[in-house]
């Protein structure tokens, strides 16, 4: 359990760093700001909201249920696998949210339009850090 927890924390911090890198890359390799079709921005915003919803569903179905099982049976390999998979899926979805900001930036949106995606991905990734399952 300790090894899995440490590995997930390493992945979490690496992904947090990559989101900061996305923001920097978007500024270094920025394209000139141009008029972007507003419907494209709405599509990315809708997808971003859907991703946030999926994060909460994944946490409820994989992470929290597995954590309850691991609290009572810490040697359950299947529950540990589900617990790790839930965290990795949460991190991948948070990263995808931040990538939407980078994609919008490359398509010509300004930094202020991409910033909510960067912040949203970073905050979700930061606050959903791995916690050792404890008995209730």
Protein backbone atom coordinates (compact mmCIF):
# COMPACT_ATOMS: atom_id res chain seq x y z
CA UNK A 1 0.00 0.00 0.00
CA UNK A 2 2.80 2.42 0.87
CA UNK A 3 4.54 1.76 -2.45
CA UNK A 4 1.31 2.37 -4.39
CA UNK A 5 0.68 5.58 -2.44
CA UNK A 6 4.18 6.86 -3.12
CA UNK A 7 3.92 5.98 -6.81
CA UNK A 8 0.61 7.81 -7.14
CA UNK A 9 2.05 10.89 -5.46
CA UNK A 10 4.96 10.89 -7.92
CA UNK A 11 2.51 10.67 -10.83
CA UNK A 12 0.40 13.44 -9.32
CA UNK A 13 3.33 15.84 -8.93
CA UNK A 14 4.65 15.05 -12.41
CA UNK A 15 1.25 15.82 -13.90
CA UNK A 16 0.96 19.03 -11.90
CA UNK A 17 4.30 20.08 -13.36
CA UNK A 18 3.13 19.21 -16.85
CA UNK A 19 0.08 21.47 -16.50
CA UNK A 20 2.37 24.36 -15.60
CA UNK A 21 4.44 23.42 -18.62
CA UNK A 22 1.33 23.56 -20.84
CA UNK A 23 0.69 27.14 -19.78
CA UNK A 24 4.28 28.08 -20.53
CA UNK A 25 4.27 26.28 -23.88
CA UNK A 26 1.06 28.01 -24.84
CA UNK A 27 2.75 31.35 -24.30
CA UNK A 28 6.09 30.50 -25.89
CA UNK A 29 4.59 28.97 -29.02
CA UNK A 30 1.52 31.15 -29.11
CA UNK A 31 -0.13 31.97 -32.35
CA UNK A 32 -1.42 35.41 -33.04
CA UNK A 33 -4.73 35.94 -31.38
CA UNK A 34 -7.44 35.62 -33.95
CA UNK A 35 -11.17 35.38 -33.94
CA UNK A 36 -12.14 31.89 -32.93
CA UNK A 37 -15.61 30.61 -33.62
CA UNK A 38 -17.52 31.01 -30.33
CA UNK A 39 -19.20 27.64 -30.83
CA UNK A 40 -15.76 26.00 -30.59
CA UNK A 41 -15.23 27.59 -27.20
CA UNK A 42 -18.67 26.39 -26.11
CA UNK A 43 -17.85 22.85 -27.23
CA UNK A 44 -14.65 22.81 -25.18
CA UNK A 45 -16.45 24.29 -22.19
CA UNK A 46 -19.17 21.65 -22.42
CA UNK A 47 -16.57 18.91 -22.71
CA UNK A 48 -14.74 20.38 -19.72
CA UNK A 49 -17.89 20.26 -17.60
CA UNK A 50 -18.48 16.67 -18.73
CA UNK A 51 -14.92 15.75 -17.74
CA UNK A 52 -15.38 17.23 -14.28
CA UNK A 53 -18.55 15.17 -13.91
CA UNK A 54 -16.71 12.04 -15.03
CA UNK A 55 -14.01 12.70 -12.44
CA UNK A 56 -16.58 12.68 -9.66
CA UNK A 57 -18.18 9.50 -11.01
CA UNK A 58 -14.81 7.74 -11.23
CA UNK A 59 -13.93 8.79 -7.71
CA UNK A 60 -17.27 7.59 -6.37
CA UNK A 61 -17.25 4.24 -8.20
CA UNK A 62 -13.57 3.28 -8.08
CA UNK A 63 -11.66 5.26 -5.48
CA UNK A 64 -14.12 5.57 -2.61
CA UNK A 65 -15.56 2.06 -2.85
CA UNK A 66 -12.10 0.53 -3.09
CA UNK A 67 -10.88 2.66 -0.19
CA UNK A 68 -13.68 1.28 1.99
CA UNK A 69 -12.68 -2.25 1.06
CA UNK A 70 -8.98 -1.54 1.62
CA UNK A 71 -9.68 -0.04 5.04
CA UNK A 72 -11.10 -3.33 6.24
CA UNK A 73 -8.92 -5.67 4.12
CA UNK A 74 -5.59 -3.96 3.33
CA UNK A 75 -4.22 -7.04 1.59
CA UNK A 76 -6.95 -7.17 -1.09
CA UNK A 77 -5.03 -6.95 -4.38
CA UNK A 78 -8.14 -6.43 -6.51
CA UNK A 79 -9.34 -3.49 -4.40
CA UNK A 80 -5.84 -2.01 -4.49
CA UNK A 81 -5.82 -2.27 -8.28
CA UNK A 82 -9.20 -0.54 -8.51
CA UNK A 83 -8.05 2.13 -6.07
CA UNK A 84 -4.92 2.87 -8.13
CA UNK A 85 -6.86 2.76 -11.40
CA UNK A 86 -9.38 5.22 -10.02
CA UNK A 87 -6.67 7.68 -9.07
CA UNK A 88 -4.90 7.30 -12.41
CA UNK A 89 -8.18 7.84 -14.29
CA UNK A 90 -8.86 10.92 -12.17
CA UNK A 91 -5.42 12.28 -13.00
CA UNK A 92 -5.78 11.53 -16.72
CA UNK A 93 -9.12 13.32 -16.86
CA UNK A 94 -7.70 16.32 -14.99
CA UNK A 95 -4.80 16.41 -17.42
CA UNK A 96 -7.22 16.28 -20.36
CA UNK A 97 -9.00 19.32 -18.97
CA UNK A 98 -5.73 21.24 -18.89
CA UNK A 99 -4.92 20.07 -22.42
CA UNK A 100 -8.13 21.70 -23.62
CA UNK A 101 -6.62 25.01 -22.54
CA UNK A 102 -3.48 24.33 -24.53
CA UNK A 103 -5.47 23.30 -27.60
CA UNK A 104 -7.56 26.45 -27.41
CA UNK A 105 -4.39 28.51 -27.07
CA UNK A 106 -2.89 26.93 -30.18
CA UNK A 107 -6.12 27.53 -32.08
CA UNK A 108 -5.82 31.26 -31.47
CA UNK A 109 -7.64 31.97 -28.21
CA UNK A 110 -5.99 34.36 -25.79
CA UNK A 111 -4.51 33.33 -22.46
CA UNK A 112 -7.54 34.46 -20.47
CA UNK A 113 -9.74 32.03 -22.40
CA UNK A 114 -7.36 29.12 -21.77
CA UNK A 115 -6.65 29.94 -18.14
CA UNK A 116 -9.83 28.38 -16.65
CA UNK A 117 -8.92 25.04 -18.21
CA UNK A 118 -5.37 25.17 -16.83
CA UNK A 119 -6.60 26.19 -13.39
CA UNK A 120 -9.41 23.63 -13.37
CA UNK A 121 -7.08 20.76 -14.27
CA UNK A 122 -4.46 21.89 -11.77
CA UNK A 123 -6.91 22.33 -8.89
CA UNK A 124 -8.63 18.99 -9.48
CA UNK A 125 -5.31 17.21 -9.73
CA UNK A 126 -3.98 18.92 -6.62
CA UNK A 127 -6.99 18.39 -4.37
CA UNK A 128 -7.64 14.79 -5.40
CA UNK A 129 -4.27 13.60 -4.16
CA UNK A 130 -3.98 10.01 -2.98
CA UNK A 131 -4.91 9.37 0.62
CA UNK A 132 -4.29 6.18 2.51
CA UNK A 133 -7.60 4.42 3.17
CA UNK A 134 -8.47 4.64 6.84
CA UNK A 135 -11.06 2.68 8.80
CA UNK A 136 -14.24 4.68 9.33
